[in-house]
PDB file of N, CA and C in Angstrom:
ATOM      1  N   UNK A   1      -6.287  15.510  15.258  1.00  0.00           N
ATOM      2  CA  UNK A   1      -7.178  16.095  16.248  1.00  0.00           C
ATOM      3  C   UNK A   1      -6.346  16.779  17.328  1.00  0.00           C
ATOM      4  N   UNK A   2      -6.770  17.965  17.715  1.00  0.00           N
ATOM      5  CA  UNK A   2      -6.049  18.733  18.723  1.00  0.00           C
ATOM      6  C   UNK A   2      -6.491  18.343  20.122  1.00  0.00           C
ATOM      7  N   UNK A   3      -5.551  18.371  21.045  1.00  0.00           N
ATOM      8  CA  UNK A   3      -5.864  18.210  22.449  1.00  0.00           C
ATOM      9  C   UNK A   3      -5.859  19.616  23.046  1.00  0.00           C
ATOM     10  N   UNK A   4      -7.028  20.244  23.118  1.00  0.00           N
ATOM     11  CA  UNK A   4      -7.117  21.636  23.535  1.00  0.00           C
ATOM     12  C   UNK A   4      -6.673  21.854  24.971  1.00  0.00           C
ATOM     13  N   UNK A   5      -6.706  20.843  25.787  1.00  0.00           N
ATOM     14  CA  UNK A   5      -6.286  20.992  27.175  1.00  0.00           C
ATOM     15  C   UNK A   5      -4.800  21.323  27.288  1.00  0.00           C
ATOM     16  N   UNK A   6      -4.004  20.941  26.313  1.00  0.00           N
ATOM     17  CA  UNK A   6      -2.573  21.234  26.341  1.00  0.00           C
ATOM     18  C   UNK A   6      -2.300  22.733  26.264  1.00  0.00           C
ATOM     19  N   UNK A   7      -3.237  23.496  25.755  1.00  0.00           N
ATOM     20  CA  UNK A   7      -3.005  24.915  25.513  1.00  0.00           C
ATOM     21  C   UNK A   7      -3.565  25.823  26.602  1.00  0.00           C
ATOM     22  N   UNK A   8      -4.137  25.240  27.644  1.00  0.00           N
ATOM     23  CA  UNK A   8      -4.665  26.037  28.740  1.00  0.00           C
ATOM     24  C   UNK A   8      -3.508  26.527  29.597  1.00  0.00           C
ATOM     25  N   UNK A   9      -3.441  27.839  29.805  1.00  0.00           N
ATOM     26  CA  UNK A   9      -2.388  28.403  30.643  1.00  0.00           C
ATOM     27  C   UNK A   9      -2.749  28.195  32.104  1.00  0.00           C
ATOM     28  N   UNK A  10      -1.778  27.824  32.893  1.00  0.00           N
ATOM     29  CA  UNK A  10      -2.018  27.588  34.311  1.00  0.00           C
ATOM     30  C   UNK A  10      -1.757  28.863  35.102  1.00  0.00           C
ATOM     31  N   UNK A  11      -1.947  28.761  36.393  1.00  0.00           N
ATOM     32  CA  UNK A  11      -1.722  29.909  37.265  1.00  0.00           C
ATOM     33  C   UNK A  11      -0.250  30.291  37.366  1.00  0.00           C
ATOM     34  N   UNK A  12       0.644  29.487  36.812  1.00  0.00           N
ATOM     35  CA  UNK A  12       2.069  29.769  36.930  1.00  0.00           C
ATOM     36  C   UNK A  12       2.553  30.772  35.889  1.00  0.00           C
ATOM     37  N   UNK A  13       1.636  31.419  35.168  1.00  0.00           N
ATOM     38  CA  UNK A  13       2.015  32.419  34.173  1.00  0.00           C
ATOM     39  C   UNK A  13       2.170  33.772  34.867  1.00  0.00           C
ATOM     40  N   UNK A  14       3.271  34.454  34.569  1.00  0.00           N
ATOM     41  CA  UNK A  14       3.472  35.792  35.122  1.00  0.00           C
ATOM     42  C   UNK A  14       3.853  36.752  33.998  1.00  0.00           C
ATOM     43  N   UNK A  15       3.744  38.026  34.288  1.00  0.00           N
ATOM     44  CA  UNK A  15       4.012  39.070  33.303  1.00  0.00           C
ATOM     45  C   UNK A  15       5.029  40.042  33.881  1.00  0.00           C
ATOM     46  N   UNK A  16       6.077  40.344  33.108  1.00  0.00           N
ATOM     47  CA  UNK A  16       7.114  41.270  33.567  1.00  0.00           C
ATOM     48  C   UNK A  16       7.186  42.444  32.592  1.00  0.00           C
ATOM     49  N   UNK A  17       6.915  43.624  33.116  1.00  0.00           N
ATOM     50  CA  UNK A  17       6.961  44.830  32.296  1.00  0.00           C
ATOM     51  C   UNK A  17       8.413  45.163  31.965  1.00  0.00           C
ATOM     52  N   UNK A  18       8.678  45.414  30.694  1.00  0.00           N
ATOM     53  CA  UNK A  18      10.021  45.759  30.244  1.00  0.00           C
ATOM     54  C   UNK A  18      10.180  47.272  30.205  1.00  0.00           C
ATOM     55  N   UNK A  19      11.421  47.752  30.358  1.00  0.00           N
ATOM     56  CA  UNK A  19      11.640  49.194  30.238  1.00  0.00           C
ATOM     57  C   UNK A  19      11.291  49.662  28.817  1.00  0.00           C
ATOM     58  N   UNK A  20      10.682  50.840  28.732  1.00  0.00           N
ATOM     59  CA  UNK A  20      10.321  51.369  27.421  1.00  0.00           C
ATOM     60  C   UNK A  20      11.569  51.782  26.656  1.00  0.00           C
ATOM     61  N   UNK A  21      11.568  51.458  25.365  1.00  0.00           N
ATOM     62  CA  UNK A  21      12.633  51.915  24.493  1.00  0.00           C
ATOM     63  C   UNK A  21      12.328  53.358  24.111  1.00  0.00           C
ATOM     64  N   UNK A  22      13.355  54.091  23.790  1.00  0.00           N
ATOM     65  CA  UNK A  22      13.201  55.501  23.448  1.00  0.00           C
ATOM     66  C   UNK A  22      12.217  55.657  22.283  1.00  0.00           C
ATOM     67  N   UNK A  23      11.213  56.494  22.472  1.00  0.00           N
ATOM     68  CA  UNK A  23      10.226  56.757  21.428  1.00  0.00           C
ATOM     69  C   UNK A  23       9.001  55.864  21.468  1.00  0.00           C
ATOM     70  N   UNK A  24       9.035  54.769  22.232  1.00  0.00           N
ATOM     71  CA  UNK A  24       7.864  53.886  22.317  1.00  0.00           C
ATOM     72  C   UNK A  24       6.769  54.528  23.159  1.00  0.00           C
ATOM     73  N   UNK A  25       5.526  54.379  22.725  1.00  0.00           N
ATOM     74  CA  UNK A  25       4.395  54.944  23.445  1.00  0.00           C
ATOM     75  C   UNK A  25       3.696  53.923  24.333  1.00  0.00           C
ATOM     76  N   UNK A  26       3.847  52.638  24.029  1.00  0.00           N
ATOM     77  CA  UNK A  26       3.117  51.600  24.760  1.00  0.00           C
ATOM     78  C   UNK A  26       4.075  50.679  25.504  1.00  0.00           C
ATOM     79  N   UNK A  27       3.530  49.985  26.476  1.00  0.00           N
ATOM     80  CA  UNK A  27       4.324  49.060  27.290  1.00  0.00           C
ATOM     81  C   UNK A  27       4.442  47.705  26.613  1.00  0.00           C
ATOM     82  N   UNK A  28       5.516  46.981  26.965  1.00  0.00           N
ATOM     83  CA  UNK A  28       5.749  45.622  26.497  1.00  0.00           C
ATOM     84  C   UNK A  28       5.973  44.754  27.731  1.00  0.00           C
ATOM     85  N   UNK A  29       5.353  43.565  27.730  1.00  0.00           N
ATOM     86  CA  UNK A  29       5.468  42.644  28.860  1.00  0.00           C
ATOM     87  C   UNK A  29       5.959  41.289  28.378  1.00  0.00           C
ATOM     88  N   UNK A  30       6.942  40.723  29.069  1.00  0.00           N
ATOM     89  CA  UNK A  30       7.320  39.339  28.821  1.00  0.00           C
ATOM     90  C   UNK A  30       6.309  38.453  29.529  1.00  0.00           C
ATOM     91  N   UNK A  31       5.901  37.369  28.870  1.00  0.00           N
ATOM     92  CA  UNK A  31       5.003  36.387  29.469  1.00  0.00           C
ATOM     93  C   UNK A  31       5.878  35.205  29.873  1.00  0.00           C
ATOM     94  N   UNK A  32       5.866  34.885  31.151  1.00  0.00           N
ATOM     95  CA  UNK A  32       6.784  33.885  31.703  1.00  0.00           C
ATOM     96  C   UNK A  32       5.992  32.741  32.317  1.00  0.00           C
ATOM     97  N   UNK A  33       6.365  31.527  31.942  1.00  0.00           N
ATOM     98  CA  UNK A  33       5.754  30.335  32.530  1.00  0.00           C
ATOM     99  C   UNK A  33       6.875  29.384  32.926  1.00  0.00           C
ATOM    100  N   UNK A  34       6.864  28.958  34.167  1.00  0.00           N
ATOM    101  CA  UNK A  34       7.892  28.046  34.685  1.00  0.00           C
ATOM    102  C   UNK A  34       9.288  28.580  34.396  1.00  0.00           C
ATOM    103  N   UNK A  35       9.485  29.882  34.636  1.00  0.00           N
ATOM    104  CA  UNK A  35      10.772  30.575  34.456  1.00  0.00           C
ATOM    105  C   UNK A  35      11.268  30.610  33.010  1.00  0.00           C
ATOM    106  N   UNK A  36      10.371  30.413  32.053  1.00  0.00           N
ATOM    107  CA  UNK A  36      10.723  30.459  30.629  1.00  0.00           C
ATOM    108  C   UNK A  36       9.848  31.519  29.954  1.00  0.00           C
ATOM    109  N   UNK A  37      10.467  32.400  29.173  1.00  0.00           N
ATOM    110  CA  UNK A  37       9.706  33.394  28.426  1.00  0.00           C
ATOM    111  C   UNK A  37       9.039  32.684  27.249  1.00  0.00           C
ATOM    112  N   UNK A  38       7.700  32.722  27.244  1.00  0.00           N
ATOM    113  CA  UNK A  38       6.953  32.043  26.177  1.00  0.00           C
ATOM    114  C   UNK A  38       6.418  33.031  25.134  1.00  0.00           C
ATOM    115  N   UNK A  39       6.572  34.317  25.391  1.00  0.00           N
ATOM    116  CA  UNK A  39       6.123  35.314  24.434  1.00  0.00           C
ATOM    117  C   UNK A  39       6.082  36.695  25.060  1.00  0.00           C
ATOM    118  N   UNK A  40       5.452  37.614  24.329  1.00  0.00           N
ATOM    119  CA  UNK A  40       5.305  38.979  24.814  1.00  0.00           C
ATOM    120  C   UNK A  40       3.894  39.477  24.554  1.00  0.00           C
ATOM    121  N   UNK A  41       3.449  40.358  25.441  1.00  0.00           N
ATOM    122  CA  UNK A  41       2.225  41.115  25.209  1.00  0.00           C
ATOM    123  C   UNK A  41       2.696  42.507  24.825  1.00  0.00           C
ATOM    124  N   UNK A  42       2.312  42.932  23.622  1.00  0.00           N
ATOM    125  CA  UNK A  42       2.730  44.236  23.111  1.00  0.00           C
ATOM    126  C   UNK A  42       1.638  44.801  22.222  1.00  0.00           C
ATOM    127  N   UNK A  43       1.736  46.084  21.926  1.00  0.00           N
ATOM    128  CA  UNK A  43       0.748  46.741  21.078  1.00  0.00           C
ATOM    129  C   UNK A  43       0.837  46.187  19.671  1.00  0.00           C
ATOM    130  N   UNK A  44      -0.322  45.926  19.092  1.00  0.00           N
ATOM    131  CA  UNK A  44      -0.405  45.455  17.709  1.00  0.00           C
ATOM    132  C   UNK A  44      -1.269  46.432  16.927  1.00  0.00           C
ATOM    133  N   UNK A  45      -0.680  47.060  15.932  1.00  0.00           N
ATOM    134  CA  UNK A  45      -1.452  48.006  15.128  1.00  0.00           C
ATOM    135  C   UNK A  45      -2.503  47.279  14.286  1.00  0.00           C
ATOM    136  N   UNK A  46      -2.266  45.998  13.993  1.00  0.00           N
ATOM    137  CA  UNK A  46      -3.253  45.214  13.227  1.00  0.00           C
ATOM    138  C   UNK A  46      -4.588  45.109  13.945  1.00  0.00           C
ATOM    139  N   UNK A  47      -4.526  44.825  15.232  1.00  0.00           N
ATOM    140  CA  UNK A  47      -5.756  44.655  16.009  1.00  0.00           C
ATOM    141  C   UNK A  47      -6.116  45.912  16.787  1.00  0.00           C
ATOM    142  N   UNK A  48      -5.270  46.921  16.675  1.00  0.00           N
ATOM    143  CA  UNK A  48      -5.447  48.190  17.389  1.00  0.00           C
ATOM    144  C   UNK A  48      -5.661  47.952  18.882  1.00  0.00           C
ATOM    145  N   UNK A  49      -4.785  47.129  19.437  1.00  0.00           N
ATOM    146  CA  UNK A  49      -4.830  46.814  20.858  1.00  0.00           C
ATOM    147  C   UNK A  49      -3.662  45.932  21.225  1.00  0.00           C
ATOM    148  N   UNK A  50      -3.582  45.592  22.488  1.00  0.00           N
ATOM    149  CA  UNK A  50      -2.514  44.698  22.934  1.00  0.00           C
ATOM    150  C   UNK A  50      -2.783  43.280  22.459  1.00  0.00           C
ATOM    151  N   UNK A  51      -1.728  42.553  22.125  1.00  0.00           N
ATOM    152  CA  UNK A  51      -1.857  41.183  21.642  1.00  0.00           C
ATOM    153  C   UNK A  51      -0.702  40.350  22.177  1.00  0.00           C
ATOM    154  N   UNK A  52      -0.957  39.062  22.332  1.00  0.00           N
ATOM    155  CA  UNK A  52       0.093  38.121  22.736  1.00  0.00           C
ATOM    156  C   UNK A  52       0.838  37.661  21.499  1.00  0.00           C
ATOM    157  N   UNK A  53       2.164  37.736  21.552  1.00  0.00           N
ATOM    158  CA  UNK A  53       2.995  37.273  20.454  1.00  0.00           C
ATOM    159  C   UNK A  53       3.952  36.219  21.003  1.00  0.00           C
ATOM    160  N   UNK A  54       3.770  34.960  20.591  1.00  0.00           N
ATOM    161  CA  UNK A  54       4.604  33.882  21.132  1.00  0.00           C
ATOM    162  C   UNK A  54       6.043  33.986  20.633  1.00  0.00           C
ATOM    163  N   UNK A  55       6.946  33.361  21.380  1.00  0.00           N
ATOM    164  CA  UNK A  55       8.332  33.299  20.937  1.00  0.00           C
ATOM    165  C   UNK A  55       8.420  32.407  19.706  1.00  0.00           C
ATOM    166  N   UNK A  56       9.505  32.514  18.982  1.00  0.00           N
ATOM    167  CA  UNK A  56       9.660  31.771  17.726  1.00  0.00           C
ATOM    168  C   UNK A  56       9.626  30.260  17.935  1.00  0.00           C
ATOM    169  N   UNK A  57      10.094  29.778  19.089  1.00  0.00           N
ATOM    170  CA  UNK A  57      10.144  28.329  19.304  1.00  0.00           C
ATOM    171  C   UNK A  57       8.763  27.708  19.505  1.00  0.00           C
ATOM    172  N   UNK A  58       7.764  28.482  19.921  1.00  0.00           N
ATOM    173  CA  UNK A  58       6.418  27.915  20.063  1.00  0.00           C
ATOM    174  C   UNK A  58       5.434  28.541  19.071  1.00  0.00           C
ATOM    175  N   UNK A  59       5.918  29.405  18.202  1.00  0.00           N
ATOM    176  CA  UNK A  59       5.076  30.087  17.225  1.00  0.00           C
ATOM    177  C   UNK A  59       4.327  29.105  16.334  1.00  0.00           C
ATOM    178  N   UNK A  60       5.003  28.064  15.869  1.00  0.00           N
ATOM    179  CA  UNK A  60       4.386  27.084  14.979  1.00  0.00           C
ATOM    180  C   UNK A  60       3.231  26.360  15.680  1.00  0.00           C
ATOM    181  N   UNK A  61       3.439  25.990  16.940  1.00  0.00           N
ATOM    182  CA  UNK A  61       2.396  25.292  17.698  1.00  0.00           C
ATOM    183  C   UNK A  61       1.156  26.169  17.858  1.00  0.00           C
ATOM    184  N   UNK A  62       1.363  27.457  18.149  1.00  0.00           N
ATOM    185  CA  UNK A  62       0.237  28.370  18.331  1.00  0.00           C
ATOM    186  C   UNK A  62      -0.520  28.541  17.017  1.00  0.00           C
ATOM    187  N   UNK A  63       0.214  28.687  15.906  1.00  0.00           N
ATOM    188  CA  UNK A  63      -0.431  28.830  14.600  1.00  0.00           C
ATOM    189  C   UNK A  63      -1.253  27.593  14.251  1.00  0.00           C
ATOM    190  N   UNK A  64      -0.724  26.408  14.520  1.00  0.00           N
ATOM    191  CA  UNK A  64      -1.452  25.169  14.245  1.00  0.00           C
ATOM    192  C   UNK A  64      -2.710  25.068  15.108  1.00  0.00           C
ATOM    193  N   UNK A  65      -2.598  25.492  16.352  1.00  0.00           N
ATOM    194  CA  UNK A  65      -3.750  25.490  17.250  1.00  0.00           C
ATOM    195  C   UNK A  65      -4.860  26.394  16.707  1.00  0.00           C
ATOM    196  N   UNK A  66      -4.492  27.607  16.283  1.00  0.00           N
ATOM    197  CA  UNK A  66      -5.471  28.554  15.750  1.00  0.00           C
ATOM    198  C   UNK A  66      -6.077  28.019  14.448  1.00  0.00           C
ATOM    199  N   UNK A  67      -5.254  27.422  13.589  1.00  0.00           N
ATOM    200  CA  UNK A  67      -5.775  26.825  12.352  1.00  0.00           C
ATOM    201  C   UNK A  67      -6.796  25.736  12.676  1.00  0.00           C
ATOM    202  N   UNK A  68      -6.514  24.933  13.689  1.00  0.00           N
ATOM    203  CA  UNK A  68      -7.432  23.876  14.103  1.00  0.00           C
ATOM    204  C   UNK A  68      -8.753  24.439  14.605  1.00  0.00           C
ATOM    205  N   UNK A  69      -8.684  25.516  15.392  1.00  0.00           N
ATOM    206  CA  UNK A  69      -9.901  26.157  15.868  1.00  0.00           C
ATOM    207  C   UNK A  69     -10.729  26.702  14.711  1.00  0.00           C
ATOM    208  N   UNK A  70     -10.076  27.345  13.761  1.00  0.00           N
ATOM    209  CA  UNK A  70     -10.786  27.915  12.621  1.00  0.00           C
ATOM    210  C   UNK A  70     -11.409  26.825  11.756  1.00  0.00           C
ATOM    211  N   UNK A  71     -10.700  25.734  11.562  1.00  0.00           N
ATOM    212  CA  UNK A  71     -11.216  24.623  10.781  1.00  0.00           C
ATOM    213  C   UNK A  71     -12.458  24.032  11.447  1.00  0.00           C
ATOM    214  N   UNK A  72     -12.381  23.850  12.756  1.00  0.00           N
ATOM    215  CA  UNK A  72     -13.511  23.314  13.512  1.00  0.00           C
ATOM    216  C   UNK A  72     -14.708  24.262  13.420  1.00  0.00           C
ATOM    217  N   UNK A  73     -14.457  25.553  13.511  1.00  0.00           N
ATOM    218  CA  UNK A  73     -15.539  26.545  13.428  1.00  0.00           C
ATOM    219  C   UNK A  73     -16.207  26.511  12.051  1.00  0.00           C
ATOM    220  N   UNK A  74     -15.394  26.429  10.992  1.00  0.00           N
ATOM    221  CA  UNK A  74     -15.948  26.380   9.635  1.00  0.00           C
ATOM    222  C   UNK A  74     -16.819  25.145   9.443  1.00  0.00           C
ATOM    223  N   UNK A  75     -16.360  23.994   9.946  1.00  0.00           N
ATOM    224  CA  UNK A  75     -17.130  22.760   9.824  1.00  0.00           C
ATOM    225  C   UNK A  75     -18.458  22.874  10.570  1.00  0.00           C
ATOM    226  N   UNK A  76     -18.422  23.477  11.760  1.00  0.00           N
ATOM    227  CA  UNK A  76     -19.648  23.640  12.550  1.00  0.00           C
ATOM    228  C   UNK A  76     -20.641  24.580  11.865  1.00  0.00           C
ATOM    229  N   UNK A  77     -20.128  25.634  11.214  1.00  0.00           N
ATOM    230  CA  UNK A  77     -21.006  26.579  10.525  1.00  0.00           C
ATOM    231  C   UNK A  77     -21.684  25.916   9.319  1.00  0.00           C
ATOM    232  N   UNK A  78     -20.946  25.065   8.607  1.00  0.00           N
ATOM    233  CA  UNK A  78     -21.503  24.373   7.435  1.00  0.00           C
ATOM    234  C   UNK A  78     -22.585  23.394   7.836  1.00  0.00           C
ATOM    235  N   UNK A  79     -22.439  22.807   9.026  1.00  0.00           N
ATOM    236  CA  UNK A  79     -23.396  21.806   9.497  1.00  0.00           C
ATOM    237  C   UNK A  79     -24.718  22.390   9.949  1.00  0.00           C
ATOM    238  N   UNK A  80     -24.797  23.694  10.151  1.00  0.00           N
ATOM    239  CA  UNK A  80     -26.044  24.323  10.638  1.00  0.00           C
ATOM    240  C   UNK A  80     -27.015  24.593   9.532  1.00  0.00           C
TER     241      UNK A  80
END
């Protein structure tokens, strides 16, 4: 069972715009919490919009969280 409260971002999250690399059309932002970069907000062609991409060290935790949400949603849909 997931403890969803662990995944709530607090007010201590900040965003730092990075310099554009040559040829890039969109901006990239580091997402910083407690002076640690936890990921980036960057353009995603998959979603055709900006998306949060976690760093590799917390990527597994985020994927497990999303899997848990999807599993819970599927169970709730079957119960209706």
